[in-house]
Amino acid sequence: MNRRRADRAAQAGAPQARPRGPAVGPGADRRRGLRQQRRQERLRNLWRVLVLSAAAAGLGYGLLREGWTLRSPEQVEVSGSRQVSREQVIREGRLRFPLQLLSVQPRGLAASLAAALPVEKVQVSRLMLPPRLRIDLVDREAVARAERRTGKGLEQGFVDRLGNWMSSRQQLGTATPQRPLVWVRGWQERLRPPLALVLARRNELGSPLQAVRFEPDGNLWLVTAALGEVRLGPPDARLNERLDVLEHLSSRLPGRVRGTTVRSIDLSDPDKPELGLRAPAAPPQRGTGGPGVD
């Protein structure tokens, strides 16, 4: 009995721990209100973003469907060419109206136009405001007639200043100042660079260039008005040097070989040109017999 009373007295005298709970007061209420306001503001901002995104998506879809559409040929601008018309570009590019502007692939369209039209360069640009298609062209001009061997036999056409092949169809409608006088025989795709070099220097050879001939193995021959056939050999890094020698011979050689006929000239080694001459015909011999004259 005494022990129980002592325990109760000890418990009554010892301080009791108070349970912890949320702080109560005006500061806590204010913080709670600010947190709720921020949460609501975030929700409103998220709602605004969703609405604006939906509106932008709808506007973009509408522009793609209706705004950036080519509805007539007048929205195709063609510049830089005196030979190719807008109608030719539309026909060869297979453009059909109405045409979604973003469906046009500039590189693909430029490649197809360059292959079908007598142009040297094509650049295609898509313009959005106002929607239109701009096509800049650089005319290709034939500088020589040409022929090449195909699986169906010999094909005749033309070449431009860069040595590119031009079919007769591509040449139609071009405004060539005069009929090309140079003939290129044995045209090959891999030999375009040396051909372009020869054509670029055709007026620097000392006499008019009449023909260019490539043999099947690639060896190059020229025919000039003053010297006739000239063998330049393989179209390697010394081609420019051989053309320099040809120019020099054209100005010096004809006066020194009067009375003889030049058969051919070999410049495959520009350091040692070889000249083939036909021997002049021997004059007829007088007969020794017959009656004399007093």
Protein backbone atom coordinates (compact mmCIF):
# COMPACT_ATOMS: atom_id res chain seq x y z
CA MET A 1 0.00 0.00 0.00
CA ASN A 2 2.77 2.42 0.92
CA ARG A 3 4.68 1.48 -2.27
CA ARG A 4 1.68 2.28 -4.47
CA ARG A 5 1.27 5.67 -2.83
CA ALA A 6 5.00 6.37 -3.35
CA ASP A 7 4.76 5.46 -7.06
CA ARG A 8 1.72 7.67 -7.55
CA ALA A 9 3.47 10.53 -5.84
CA ALA A 10 6.58 10.09 -8.03
CA GLN A 11 4.45 10.04 -11.18
CA ALA A 12 2.56 13.13 -10.08
CA GLY A 13 5.80 15.03 -9.42
CA ALA A 14 7.57 14.06 -12.72
CA PRO A 15 6.93 16.40 -15.75
CA GLN A 16 4.83 14.76 -18.49
CA ALA A 17 5.86 15.02 -22.25
CA ARG A 18 3.38 16.95 -24.41
CA PRO A 19 2.38 15.43 -27.76
CA ARG A 20 3.85 17.20 -30.79
CA GLY A 21 1.42 18.56 -33.35
CA PRO A 22 1.22 21.21 -36.09
CA ALA A 23 1.95 24.71 -35.00
CA VAL A 24 -1.13 26.75 -34.60
CA GLY A 25 -1.10 30.47 -35.17
CA PRO A 26 -1.58 33.28 -37.74
CA GLY A 27 1.83 32.59 -39.45
CA ALA A 28 0.97 28.96 -40.18
CA ASP A 29 -2.38 29.89 -41.73
CA ARG A 30 -0.70 32.45 -43.97
CA ARG A 31 1.87 29.94 -45.23
CA ARG A 32 -0.85 27.42 -45.91
CA GLY A 33 -2.75 29.99 -47.95
CA LEU A 34 0.33 30.93 -50.00
CA ARG A 35 1.00 27.28 -50.82
CA GLN A 36 -2.55 26.85 -52.03
CA GLN A 37 -2.32 29.98 -54.19
CA ARG A 38 0.87 28.75 -55.83
CA ARG A 39 -0.70 25.40 -56.56
CA GLN A 40 -3.68 27.05 -58.20
CA GLU A 41 -1.41 29.34 -60.23
CA ARG A 42 0.53 26.35 -61.56
CA LEU A 43 -2.69 24.69 -62.58
CA ARG A 44 -3.83 27.84 -64.39
CA ASN A 45 -0.46 28.11 -66.20
CA LEU A 46 -0.63 24.48 -67.26
CA TRP A 47 -4.13 25.05 -68.59
CA ARG A 48 -2.96 28.11 -70.56
CA VAL A 49 -0.06 26.11 -72.09
CA LEU A 50 -2.43 23.34 -73.15
CA VAL A 51 -4.85 25.80 -74.73
CA LEU A 52 -2.10 27.69 -76.58
CA SER A 53 -0.50 24.44 -77.78
CA ALA A 54 -3.80 23.19 -79.12
CA ALA A 55 -4.43 26.52 -80.86
CA ALA A 56 -0.93 26.53 -82.40
CA ALA A 57 -1.32 22.94 -83.57
CA GLY A 58 -4.66 23.77 -85.17
CA LEU A 59 -3.24 26.88 -86.84
CA GLY A 60 -0.22 24.95 -88.13
CA TYR A 61 -2.42 22.21 -89.51
CA GLY A 62 -4.58 24.81 -91.22
CA LEU A 63 -1.55 26.51 -92.75
CA LEU A 64 -0.19 23.21 -93.99
CA ARG A 65 -3.51 22.27 -95.51
CA GLU A 66 -4.60 25.61 -96.88
CA GLY A 67 -2.07 28.40 -96.34
CA TRP A 68 1.12 26.84 -97.83
CA THR A 69 -0.52 25.49 -100.94
CA LEU A 70 0.32 26.37 -104.53
CA ARG A 71 -2.97 26.73 -106.34
CA SER A 72 -1.88 28.05 -109.74
CA PRO A 73 1.17 28.13 -112.05
CA GLU A 74 1.58 31.85 -111.28
CA GLN A 75 2.97 30.84 -107.88
CA VAL A 76 5.97 29.22 -109.59
CA GLU A 77 8.71 31.82 -110.23
CA VAL A 78 11.35 30.96 -112.86
CA SER A 79 14.35 33.26 -113.28
CA GLY A 80 17.79 33.31 -114.85
CA SER A 81 16.99 31.57 -118.14
CA ARG A 82 16.33 33.06 -121.56
CA GLN A 83 15.49 29.67 -123.02
CA VAL A 84 13.31 27.83 -120.51
CA SER A 85 9.77 28.97 -119.79
CA ARG A 86 7.62 28.44 -116.72
CA GLU A 87 5.46 26.01 -118.66
CA GLN A 88 8.52 23.85 -119.47
CA VAL A 89 9.55 23.81 -115.82
CA ILE A 90 6.07 22.77 -114.68
CA ARG A 91 5.84 20.09 -117.36
CA GLU A 92 9.31 18.59 -116.81
CA GLY A 93 9.00 18.85 -113.01
CA ARG A 94 5.58 17.14 -113.14
CA LEU A 95 4.02 19.76 -110.88
CA ARG A 96 0.28 19.33 -110.32
CA PHE A 97 -1.94 21.95 -108.73
CA PRO A 98 -3.04 22.38 -106.02
CA LEU A 99 0.36 21.42 -104.63
CA GLN A 100 1.39 21.26 -100.98
CA LEU A 101 4.50 23.42 -100.76
CA LEU A 102 6.13 21.30 -98.05
CA SER A 103 5.70 18.19 -100.18
CA VAL A 104 8.16 19.59 -102.73
CA GLN A 105 11.68 18.17 -102.30
CA PRO A 106 14.05 20.89 -103.62
CA ARG A 107 16.99 18.56 -104.32
CA GLY A 108 14.91 15.97 -106.13
CA LEU A 109 13.11 18.58 -108.23
CA ALA A 110 16.41 20.30 -109.11
CA ALA A 111 17.93 16.99 -110.22
CA SER A 112 14.98 16.08 -112.44
CA LEU A 113 14.93 19.55 -114.04
CA ALA A 114 18.69 19.50 -114.68
CA ALA A 115 18.34 16.14 -116.43
CA ALA A 116 15.43 17.22 -118.63
CA LEU A 117 16.15 20.87 -119.47
CA PRO A 118 19.07 22.57 -121.29
CA VAL A 119 20.34 24.16 -118.10
CA GLU A 120 23.71 24.04 -116.40
CA LYS A 121 22.51 24.69 -112.86
CA VAL A 122 19.18 24.55 -111.01
CA GLN A 123 18.36 25.92 -107.55
CA VAL A 124 14.91 25.39 -106.00
CA SER A 125 13.64 27.42 -103.03
CA ARG A 126 10.35 27.14 -101.11
CA LEU A 127 9.02 30.51 -99.94
CA MET A 128 6.29 30.56 -97.30
CA LEU A 129 4.97 34.12 -97.16
CA PRO A 130 3.35 34.40 -99.61
CA PRO A 131 3.53 30.73 -100.62
CA ARG A 132 5.47 30.29 -103.86
CA LEU A 133 8.16 28.16 -105.47
CA ARG A 134 11.25 29.93 -106.82
CA ILE A 135 13.43 28.18 -109.40
CA ASP A 136 16.71 29.81 -110.47
CA LEU A 137 18.27 28.49 -113.68
CA VAL A 138 21.60 28.92 -115.45
CA ASP A 139 21.31 28.21 -119.17
CA ARG A 140 23.38 25.47 -120.74
CA GLU A 141 24.79 26.34 -124.15
CA ALA A 142 25.92 23.81 -126.72
CA VAL A 143 29.48 24.47 -127.90
CA ALA A 144 30.00 21.34 -130.01
CA ARG A 145 28.19 18.54 -131.72
CA ALA A 146 29.00 15.12 -130.32
CA GLU A 147 28.49 11.43 -130.73
CA ARG A 148 28.84 8.54 -128.31
CA ARG A 149 28.55 4.79 -128.49
CA THR A 150 25.66 3.18 -126.61
CA GLY A 151 24.18 -0.29 -126.44
CA LYS A 152 21.93 0.68 -129.37
CA GLY A 153 24.74 2.04 -131.53
CA LEU A 154 25.99 5.55 -132.14
CA GLU A 155 23.97 8.37 -130.65
CA GLN A 156 24.35 11.97 -131.78
CA GLY A 157 23.83 14.98 -129.57
CA PHE A 158 25.70 17.98 -128.19
CA VAL A 159 28.02 18.94 -125.34
CA ASP A 160 28.15 22.11 -123.28
CA ARG A 161 31.24 24.02 -122.13
CA LEU A 162 31.70 21.66 -119.17
CA GLY A 163 31.69 18.59 -121.38
CA ASN A 164 28.23 17.45 -120.27
CA TRP A 165 26.22 15.44 -122.75
CA MET A 166 23.11 17.11 -124.17
CA SER A 167 20.53 15.07 -126.00
CA SER A 168 18.83 16.41 -129.11
CA ARG A 169 15.69 16.86 -127.02
CA GLN A 170 17.54 19.03 -124.52
CA GLN A 171 18.97 21.12 -127.35
CA LEU A 172 15.53 21.91 -128.79
CA GLY A 173 14.54 25.49 -128.19
CA THR A 174 17.98 26.68 -127.11
CA ALA A 175 19.20 29.98 -128.49
CA THR A 176 22.63 28.94 -129.75
CA PRO A 177 24.16 31.93 -131.59
CA GLN A 178 25.56 29.78 -134.38
CA ARG A 179 25.78 26.14 -135.20
CA PRO A 180 28.68 24.58 -133.29
CA LEU A 181 31.59 23.82 -135.60
CA VAL A 182 33.54 21.44 -133.35
CA TRP A 183 32.82 17.72 -133.49
CA VAL A 184 33.41 15.57 -130.42
CA ARG A 185 33.65 11.87 -131.27
CA GLY A 186 33.81 9.04 -128.77
CA TRP A 187 32.33 11.03 -125.86
CA GLN A 188 32.65 9.23 -122.51
CA GLU A 189 31.32 10.25 -119.11
CA ARG A 190 34.65 9.69 -117.38
CA LEU A 191 36.45 11.96 -119.86
CA ARG A 192 34.36 15.08 -119.24
CA PRO A 193 37.13 16.98 -117.32
CA PRO A 194 39.77 16.78 -120.11
CA LEU A 195 37.10 17.57 -122.70
CA ALA A 196 36.06 20.64 -120.72
CA LEU A 197 39.69 21.79 -120.62
CA VAL A 198 40.09 21.42 -124.39
CA LEU A 199 36.83 23.26 -125.06
CA ALA A 200 37.82 26.06 -122.68
CA ARG A 201 41.05 26.56 -124.63
CA ARG A 202 39.70 25.94 -128.12
CA ASN A 203 40.28 29.59 -129.10
CA GLU A 204 43.87 29.56 -127.77
CA LEU A 205 45.30 26.81 -129.96
CA GLY A 206 46.63 29.06 -132.73
CA SER A 207 44.16 27.80 -135.34
CA PRO A 208 40.49 26.82 -135.32
CA LEU A 209 39.69 23.55 -133.58
CA GLN A 210 37.66 21.30 -135.86
CA ALA A 211 37.32 17.99 -134.03
CA VAL A 212 38.04 16.18 -130.77
CA ARG A 213 38.33 12.41 -130.80
CA PHE A 214 38.60 10.01 -127.89
CA GLU A 215 39.78 6.49 -128.58
CA PRO A 216 38.21 3.64 -126.56
CA ASP A 217 41.28 3.54 -124.29
CA GLY A 218 40.93 7.28 -123.60
CA ASN A 219 43.75 8.58 -125.83
CA LEU A 220 42.92 12.04 -127.14
CA TRP A 221 43.25 13.37 -130.70
CA LEU A 222 42.55 16.88 -132.00
CA VAL A 223 42.07 18.14 -135.54
CA THR A 224 43.02 21.76 -136.16
CA ALA A 225 42.82 23.81 -139.35
CA ALA A 226 46.56 24.50 -139.49
CA LEU A 227 48.09 21.21 -138.34
CA GLY A 228 45.53 18.54 -139.10
CA GLU A 229 45.54 15.54 -136.76
CA VAL A 230 47.36 15.96 -133.46
CA ARG A 231 47.77 13.13 -130.99
CA LEU A 232 47.75 14.37 -127.39
CA GLY A 233 47.89 10.94 -125.80
CA PRO A 234 46.37 10.10 -122.42
CA PRO A 235 44.38 12.90 -120.77
CA ASP A 236 46.60 13.09 -117.72
CA ALA A 237 48.11 15.93 -115.69
CA ARG A 238 50.30 17.05 -118.64
CA LEU A 239 47.36 17.83 -120.93
CA ASN A 240 47.66 21.57 -120.32
CA GLU A 241 51.35 21.42 -121.22
CA ARG A 242 50.56 19.59 -124.46
CA LEU A 243 48.04 22.27 -125.40
CA ASP A 244 50.71 24.92 -124.82
CA VAL A 245 53.04 23.11 -127.20
CA LEU A 246 50.23 22.81 -129.75
CA GLU A 247 49.64 26.56 -129.60
CA HIS A 248 53.36 27.19 -130.15
CA LEU A 249 53.54 24.81 -133.12
CA SER A 250 50.44 26.32 -134.72
CA SER A 251 52.13 29.70 -134.91
CA ARG A 252 55.61 28.52 -135.92
CA LEU A 253 55.30 25.29 -137.84
CA PRO A 254 53.13 26.03 -140.93
CA GLY A 255 55.65 28.52 -142.33
CA ARG A 256 58.52 26.06 -142.00
CA VAL A 257 56.88 23.11 -143.73
CA ARG A 258 55.74 24.81 -146.94
CA GLY A 259 55.80 22.43 -149.83
CA THR A 260 55.16 19.42 -147.56
CA THR A 261 52.01 17.91 -146.12
CA VAL A 262 51.74 17.29 -142.39
CA ARG A 263 50.44 13.78 -141.87
CA SER A 264 50.15 13.91 -138.08
CA ILE A 265 51.78 15.32 -134.97
CA ASP A 266 52.39 13.33 -131.82
CA LEU A 267 52.49 15.41 -128.63
CA SER A 268 52.04 12.53 -126.19
CA ASP A 269 55.50 13.51 -124.93
CA PRO A 270 55.40 17.33 -124.97
CA ASP A 271 59.18 17.46 -124.46
CA LYS A 272 59.79 15.56 -127.72
CA PRO A 273 57.10 16.36 -130.30
CA GLU A 274 57.09 14.05 -133.31
CA LEU A 275 56.13 15.37 -136.70
CA GLY A 276 55.00 13.06 -139.48
CA LEU A 277 55.37 14.53 -142.97
CA ARG A 278 54.42 13.12 -146.31
CA ALA A 279 57.29 13.32 -148.71
CA PRO A 280 56.64 15.68 -151.62
CA ALA A 281 55.98 13.97 -154.92
CA ALA A 282 59.06 13.61 -157.09
CA PRO A 283 58.96 15.68 -160.28
CA PRO A 284 58.55 13.60 -163.46
CA GLN A 285 61.86 12.71 -165.10
CA ARG A 286 62.55 13.82 -168.65
CA GLY A 287 62.98 11.07 -171.13
CA THR A 288 66.47 10.70 -172.57
CA GLY A 289 65.45 9.19 -175.88
CA GLY A 290 63.67 10.70 -178.85
CA PRO A 291 64.62 12.96 -181.68
CA GLY A 292 66.67 15.94 -180.81
CA VAL A 293 65.99 19.46 -181.80
CA ASP A 294 68.51 21.42 -183.72
